[in-house]
Amino acid sequence: MNSNQLTDEPEDGVYHRIMTMMSSSGTPFRLIDHRPEGRTAEASALRGHALRQAAKCVVVRTRTAGSPPRHTVVVVPGDRRVDLEAVAHHLGGDRTAFADRRTAERLTRCRSGSIVPFTFHPELGLLADPTLLEPEEIFFNAARLDRSLAIAPADWAGLAHPLIRPVAQHDPVAVG
C-alpha cells in the first residue's frame, strides 16, 4: 500500500460519499476550508469553535474471549478522552485498545487525523458519547485534513445511526 492509496476506493471516496449523503438527505451543514490539520485542538482553533464541539474520532479494537477482535469508531467531544473500559463494557468485550494506525486507516478509508464519525465498512461499528449531542453544532474533518463539516448533532445522529453510550472520560482534557 503506497502513501497515496489507502484502499481500492479513490482517496476522496469517503469525502464524496459524505457529501452525496448530505445532499441527497437534504441535511443542513456547512463546509469549512482551512489549513491542513488533523489534531483536534488545532483544527478546532482553525475552525473557530469550542473544543467541546469537535467530534473526535478514534478507532478501537475490542476483544472478547473466543471471538475475533471487533473494530469501532468511537466519537467523543474534543475536550474529552475515550474511556476504554467503558467502551469494552458497552460492547461486551473483555478488553479494548486503540487500533493501530494502519488498521484504522484501512477500515475507515481515511488518513489519521481525518477520520469521520460515520462508518462505511461492514466490519466497523460506530459508538458515540451522549455529550456529543449537547452543543448546537458539532465539527469534524470531512475525510480531508483541509476541509471540515459543521452539522447539528441530531442531524448527524440521524444520518450516522451511532450506538449512544457514555464512553468519554469525565475529566476534560487539559489544553494549553
C-alpha atoms as a PDB file:
ATOM      1  CA  MET A   1       0.000   0.000   0.000  1.00  0.00           C
ATOM      2  CA  ASN A   2       1.597   3.305  -1.018  1.00  0.00           C
ATOM      3  CA  SER A   3       1.024   6.589   0.785  1.00  0.00           C
ATOM      4  CA  ASN A   4      -1.464   7.802  -1.821  1.00  0.00           C
ATOM      5  CA  GLN A   5      -3.665   4.722  -1.768  1.00  0.00           C
ATOM      6  CA  LEU A   6      -5.493   3.688   1.387  1.00  0.00           C
ATOM      7  CA  THR A   7      -7.845   1.230  -0.306  1.00  0.00           C
ATOM      8  CA  ASP A   8      -9.203   0.430  -3.725  1.00  0.00           C
ATOM      9  CA  GLU A   9     -11.502   3.446  -3.306  1.00  0.00           C
ATOM     10  CA  PRO A  10     -10.219   6.803  -4.609  1.00  0.00           C
ATOM     11  CA  GLU A  11      -8.538   8.949  -1.964  1.00  0.00           C
ATOM     12  CA  ASP A  12     -11.505  11.347  -1.781  1.00  0.00           C
ATOM     13  CA  GLY A  13     -14.056   8.498  -1.832  1.00  0.00           C
ATOM     14  CA  VAL A  14     -15.235   8.952   1.767  1.00  0.00           C
ATOM     15  CA  TYR A  15     -15.430  12.721   1.348  1.00  0.00           C
ATOM     16  CA  HIS A  16     -17.588  12.350  -1.768  1.00  0.00           C
ATOM     17  CA  ARG A  17     -19.714   9.706  -0.082  1.00  0.00           C
ATOM     18  CA  ILE A  18     -20.434  12.050   2.835  1.00  0.00           C
ATOM     19  CA  MET A  19     -21.204  14.982   0.524  1.00  0.00           C
ATOM     20  CA  THR A  20     -23.569  12.814  -1.520  1.00  0.00           C
ATOM     21  CA  MET A  21     -25.286  11.588   1.651  1.00  0.00           C
ATOM     22  CA  MET A  22     -25.718  15.158   2.915  1.00  0.00           C
ATOM     23  CA  SER A  23     -27.069  16.421  -0.400  1.00  0.00           C
ATOM     24  CA  SER A  24     -29.445  13.523  -1.030  1.00  0.00           C
ATOM     25  CA  SER A  25     -30.841  13.675   2.525  1.00  0.00           C
ATOM     26  CA  GLY A  26     -31.317  17.443   2.491  1.00  0.00           C
ATOM     27  CA  THR A  27     -29.410  17.691   5.769  1.00  0.00           C
ATOM     28  CA  PRO A  28     -28.235  21.242   6.525  1.00  0.00           C
ATOM     29  CA  PHE A  29     -24.463  21.547   7.009  1.00  0.00           C
ATOM     30  CA  ARG A  30     -21.580  23.934   6.472  1.00  0.00           C
ATOM     31  CA  LEU A  31     -18.228  23.236   4.831  1.00  0.00           C
ATOM     32  CA  ILE A  32     -15.190  24.965   6.253  1.00  0.00           C
ATOM     33  CA  ASP A  33     -11.932  25.159   4.291  1.00  0.00           C
ATOM     34  CA  HIS A  34      -8.790  25.599   6.398  1.00  0.00           C
ATOM     35  CA  ARG A  35      -5.090  24.889   6.564  1.00  0.00           C
ATOM     36  CA  PRO A  36      -4.482  21.104   6.692  1.00  0.00           C
ATOM     37  CA  GLU A  37      -4.692  19.949  10.311  1.00  0.00           C
ATOM     38  CA  GLY A  38      -5.557  16.629  11.937  1.00  0.00           C
ATOM     39  CA  ARG A  39      -5.048  17.409  15.627  1.00  0.00           C
ATOM     40  CA  THR A  40      -8.355  18.123  17.356  1.00  0.00           C
ATOM     41  CA  ALA A  41      -7.376  21.215  19.360  1.00  0.00           C
ATOM     42  CA  GLU A  42      -5.535  22.839  16.456  1.00  0.00           C
ATOM     43  CA  ALA A  43      -8.311  22.053  13.950  1.00  0.00           C
ATOM     44  CA  SER A  44     -10.886  23.475  16.372  1.00  0.00           C
ATOM     45  CA  ALA A  45      -8.898  26.715  16.627  1.00  0.00           C
ATOM     46  CA  LEU A  46      -8.693  26.967  12.824  1.00  0.00           C
ATOM     47  CA  ARG A  47     -12.442  26.406  12.526  1.00  0.00           C
ATOM     48  CA  GLY A  48     -13.185  28.894  15.326  1.00  0.00           C
ATOM     49  CA  HIS A  49     -15.249  26.824  17.750  1.00  0.00           C
ATOM     50  CA  ALA A  50     -15.028  25.493  21.300  1.00  0.00           C
ATOM     51  CA  LEU A  51     -13.044  22.276  21.693  1.00  0.00           C
ATOM     52  CA  ARG A  52     -16.090  20.515  23.187  1.00  0.00           C
ATOM     53  CA  GLN A  53     -17.862  20.957  19.816  1.00  0.00           C
ATOM     54  CA  ALA A  54     -15.287  18.849  17.960  1.00  0.00           C
ATOM     55  CA  ALA A  55     -16.307  15.283  17.174  1.00  0.00           C
ATOM     56  CA  LYS A  56     -13.049  13.465  17.965  1.00  0.00           C
ATOM     57  CA  CYS A  57     -12.997  10.078  16.224  1.00  0.00           C
ATOM     58  CA  VAL A  58     -10.741   7.184  17.168  1.00  0.00           C
ATOM     59  CA  VAL A  59     -10.774   3.550  16.106  1.00  0.00           C
ATOM     60  CA  VAL A  60     -10.601   0.934  18.830  1.00  0.00           C
ATOM     61  CA  ARG A  61     -10.219  -2.838  18.814  1.00  0.00           C
ATOM     62  CA  THR A  62     -12.343  -4.821  21.276  1.00  0.00           C
ATOM     63  CA  ARG A  63     -11.526  -8.411  22.157  1.00  0.00           C
ATOM     64  CA  THR A  64     -13.877 -10.999  23.574  1.00  0.00           C
ATOM     65  CA  ALA A  65     -12.639 -14.422  24.608  1.00  0.00           C
ATOM     66  CA  GLY A  66     -13.111 -16.942  21.808  1.00  0.00           C
ATOM     67  CA  SER A  67     -14.050 -14.364  19.179  1.00  0.00           C
ATOM     68  CA  PRO A  68     -12.069 -12.354  16.645  1.00  0.00           C
ATOM     69  CA  PRO A  69     -11.497  -8.697  17.588  1.00  0.00           C
ATOM     70  CA  ARG A  70     -14.098  -6.134  16.537  1.00  0.00           C
ATOM     71  CA  HIS A  71     -13.301  -2.574  15.462  1.00  0.00           C
ATOM     72  CA  THR A  72     -15.364   0.505  16.260  1.00  0.00           C
ATOM     73  CA  VAL A  73     -15.122   4.215  15.568  1.00  0.00           C
ATOM     74  CA  VAL A  74     -15.626   5.891  18.943  1.00  0.00           C
ATOM     75  CA  VAL A  75     -16.682   9.546  18.905  1.00  0.00           C
ATOM     76  CA  VAL A  76     -16.252  11.835  21.894  1.00  0.00           C
ATOM     77  CA  PRO A  77     -16.206  15.619  22.336  1.00  0.00           C
ATOM     78  CA  GLY A  78     -12.823  17.149  21.528  1.00  0.00           C
ATOM     79  CA  ASP A  79     -12.175  18.122  25.135  1.00  0.00           C
ATOM     80  CA  ARG A  80     -12.593  14.537  26.370  1.00  0.00           C
ATOM     81  CA  ARG A  81     -10.691  11.267  26.111  1.00  0.00           C
ATOM     82  CA  VAL A  82     -12.091   7.859  25.250  1.00  0.00           C
ATOM     83  CA  ASP A  83     -12.740   5.686  28.309  1.00  0.00           C
ATOM     84  CA  LEU A  84     -11.523   2.301  27.020  1.00  0.00           C
ATOM     85  CA  GLU A  85     -13.023   0.391  29.953  1.00  0.00           C
ATOM     86  CA  ALA A  86     -16.443   1.916  29.272  1.00  0.00           C
ATOM     87  CA  VAL A  87     -16.137   1.039  25.579  1.00  0.00           C
ATOM     88  CA  ALA A  88     -15.309  -2.586  26.439  1.00  0.00           C
ATOM     89  CA  HIS A  89     -18.262  -2.703  28.838  1.00  0.00           C
ATOM     90  CA  HIS A  90     -20.777  -1.296  26.332  1.00  0.00           C
ATOM     91  CA  LEU A  91     -19.532  -3.516  23.503  1.00  0.00           C
ATOM     92  CA  GLY A  92     -19.463  -6.654  25.654  1.00  0.00           C
ATOM     93  CA  GLY A  93     -15.718  -7.120  25.318  1.00  0.00           C
ATOM     94  CA  ASP A  94     -13.025  -8.255  27.717  1.00  0.00           C
ATOM     95  CA  ARG A  95     -10.515  -5.632  26.625  1.00  0.00           C
ATOM     96  CA  THR A  96     -10.413  -2.589  24.350  1.00  0.00           C
ATOM     97  CA  ALA A  97      -7.346  -0.816  22.980  1.00  0.00           C
ATOM     98  CA  PHE A  98      -6.681   1.773  20.295  1.00  0.00           C
ATOM     99  CA  ALA A  99      -6.377   0.200  16.859  1.00  0.00           C
ATOM    100  CA  ASP A 100      -3.047   0.563  15.107  1.00  0.00           C
ATOM    101  CA  ARG A 101      -2.871   3.368  12.560  1.00  0.00           C
ATOM    102  CA  ARG A 102      -2.736   1.104   9.503  1.00  0.00           C
ATOM    103  CA  THR A 103      -5.854  -0.817  10.560  1.00  0.00           C
ATOM    104  CA  ALA A 104      -7.727   2.394  11.411  1.00  0.00           C
ATOM    105  CA  GLU A 105      -6.899   3.912   8.019  1.00  0.00           C
ATOM    106  CA  ARG A 106      -7.800   0.723   6.156  1.00  0.00           C
ATOM    107  CA  LEU A 107     -11.190   0.325   7.838  1.00  0.00           C
ATOM    108  CA  THR A 108     -12.203   3.989   7.744  1.00  0.00           C
ATOM    109  CA  ARG A 109     -10.610   4.753   4.368  1.00  0.00           C
ATOM    110  CA  CYS A 110      -9.411   7.997   5.949  1.00  0.00           C
ATOM    111  CA  ARG A 111      -5.971   9.216   6.870  1.00  0.00           C
ATOM    112  CA  SER A 112      -5.196   9.554  10.561  1.00  0.00           C
ATOM    113  CA  GLY A 113      -6.483  12.927  11.715  1.00  0.00           C
ATOM    114  CA  SER A 114      -9.324  12.973   9.195  1.00  0.00           C
ATOM    115  CA  ILE A 115     -11.414  10.007  10.412  1.00  0.00           C
ATOM    116  CA  VAL A 116     -15.106  10.817  10.190  1.00  0.00           C
ATOM    117  CA  PRO A 117     -17.935   9.980  12.617  1.00  0.00           C
ATOM    118  CA  PHE A 118     -19.531   7.660  10.053  1.00  0.00           C
ATOM    119  CA  THR A 119     -18.796   4.082   9.092  1.00  0.00           C
ATOM    120  CA  PHE A 120     -18.884   2.644   5.605  1.00  0.00           C
ATOM    121  CA  HIS A 121     -17.124  -0.667   6.266  1.00  0.00           C
ATOM    122  CA  PRO A 122     -19.130  -3.743   7.332  1.00  0.00           C
ATOM    123  CA  GLU A 123     -16.524  -4.646   9.984  1.00  0.00           C
ATOM    124  CA  LEU A 124     -16.626  -1.230  11.662  1.00  0.00           C
ATOM    125  CA  GLY A 125     -19.128  -0.156  14.311  1.00  0.00           C
ATOM    126  CA  LEU A 126     -19.946   3.375  15.482  1.00  0.00           C
ATOM    127  CA  LEU A 127     -20.227   4.360  19.136  1.00  0.00           C
ATOM    128  CA  ALA A 128     -20.677   7.925  20.418  1.00  0.00           C
ATOM    129  CA  ASP A 129     -20.794   9.574  23.822  1.00  0.00           C
ATOM    130  CA  PRO A 130     -24.133  11.298  24.590  1.00  0.00           C
ATOM    131  CA  THR A 131     -22.381  14.572  25.488  1.00  0.00           C
ATOM    132  CA  LEU A 132     -21.539  14.910  21.786  1.00  0.00           C
ATOM    133  CA  LEU A 133     -25.248  15.639  21.213  1.00  0.00           C
ATOM    134  CA  GLU A 134     -25.327  18.624  23.604  1.00  0.00           C
ATOM    135  CA  PRO A 135     -23.852  21.509  21.547  1.00  0.00           C
ATOM    136  CA  GLU A 136     -25.894  23.333  18.918  1.00  0.00           C
ATOM    137  CA  GLU A 137     -23.361  22.286  16.284  1.00  0.00           C
ATOM    138  CA  ILE A 138     -20.504  19.773  16.028  1.00  0.00           C
ATOM    139  CA  PHE A 139     -17.444  19.905  13.773  1.00  0.00           C
ATOM    140  CA  PHE A 140     -15.178  17.268  12.243  1.00  0.00           C
ATOM    141  CA  ASN A 141     -12.671  16.889   9.434  1.00  0.00           C
ATOM    142  CA  ALA A 142     -14.589  15.669   6.409  1.00  0.00           C
ATOM    143  CA  ALA A 143     -12.226  12.804   5.476  1.00  0.00           C
ATOM    144  CA  ARG A 144      -9.752  15.522   4.486  1.00  0.00           C
ATOM    145  CA  LEU A 145      -7.284  17.447   6.608  1.00  0.00           C
ATOM    146  CA  ASP A 146      -8.123  20.732   4.837  1.00  0.00           C
ATOM    147  CA  ARG A 147     -11.917  20.669   4.931  1.00  0.00           C
ATOM    148  CA  SER A 148     -14.319  20.278   7.815  1.00  0.00           C
ATOM    149  CA  LEU A 149     -18.021  19.886   8.233  1.00  0.00           C
ATOM    150  CA  ALA A 150     -20.316  21.599  10.745  1.00  0.00           C
ATOM    151  CA  ILE A 151     -23.669  19.953  11.453  1.00  0.00           C
ATOM    152  CA  ALA A 152     -26.349  19.820  14.132  1.00  0.00           C
ATOM    153  CA  PRO A 153     -25.662  16.776  16.327  1.00  0.00           C
ATOM    154  CA  ALA A 154     -29.209  15.449  15.938  1.00  0.00           C
ATOM    155  CA  ASP A 155     -28.878  15.622  12.144  1.00  0.00           C
ATOM    156  CA  TRP A 156     -25.525  13.800  12.308  1.00  0.00           C
ATOM    157  CA  ALA A 157     -27.005  11.093  14.563  1.00  0.00           C
ATOM    158  CA  GLY A 158     -29.952  10.694  12.194  1.00  0.00           C
ATOM    159  CA  LEU A 159     -27.575  10.010   9.305  1.00  0.00           C
ATOM    160  CA  ALA A 160     -24.860   8.028  11.120  1.00  0.00           C
ATOM    161  CA  HIS A 161     -27.028   5.885  13.438  1.00  0.00           C
ATOM    162  CA  PRO A 162     -24.403   5.519  16.186  1.00  0.00           C
ATOM    163  CA  LEU A 163     -24.836   3.483  19.319  1.00  0.00           C
ATOM    164  CA  ILE A 164     -25.040   6.188  22.023  1.00  0.00           C
ATOM    165  CA  ARG A 165     -23.402   5.230  25.323  1.00  0.00           C
ATOM    166  CA  PRO A 166     -21.266   7.089  27.899  1.00  0.00           C
ATOM    167  CA  VAL A 167     -17.715   6.419  26.692  1.00  0.00           C
ATOM    168  CA  ALA A 168     -15.939   9.714  27.397  1.00  0.00           C
ATOM    169  CA  GLN A 169     -13.831  10.203  30.497  1.00  0.00           C
ATOM    170  CA  HIS A 170     -15.455  12.674  32.867  1.00  0.00           C
ATOM    171  CA  ASP A 171     -12.376  14.860  33.337  1.00  0.00           C
ATOM    172  CA  PRO A 172     -11.933  17.192  30.370  1.00  0.00           C
ATOM    173  CA  VAL A 173      -8.616  17.070  28.511  1.00  0.00           C
ATOM    174  CA  ALA A 174      -6.266  19.828  29.607  1.00  0.00           C
ATOM    175  CA  VAL A 175      -5.434  22.100  26.692  1.00  0.00           C
ATOM    176  CA  GLY A 176      -2.673  24.609  26.998  1.00  0.00           C
END
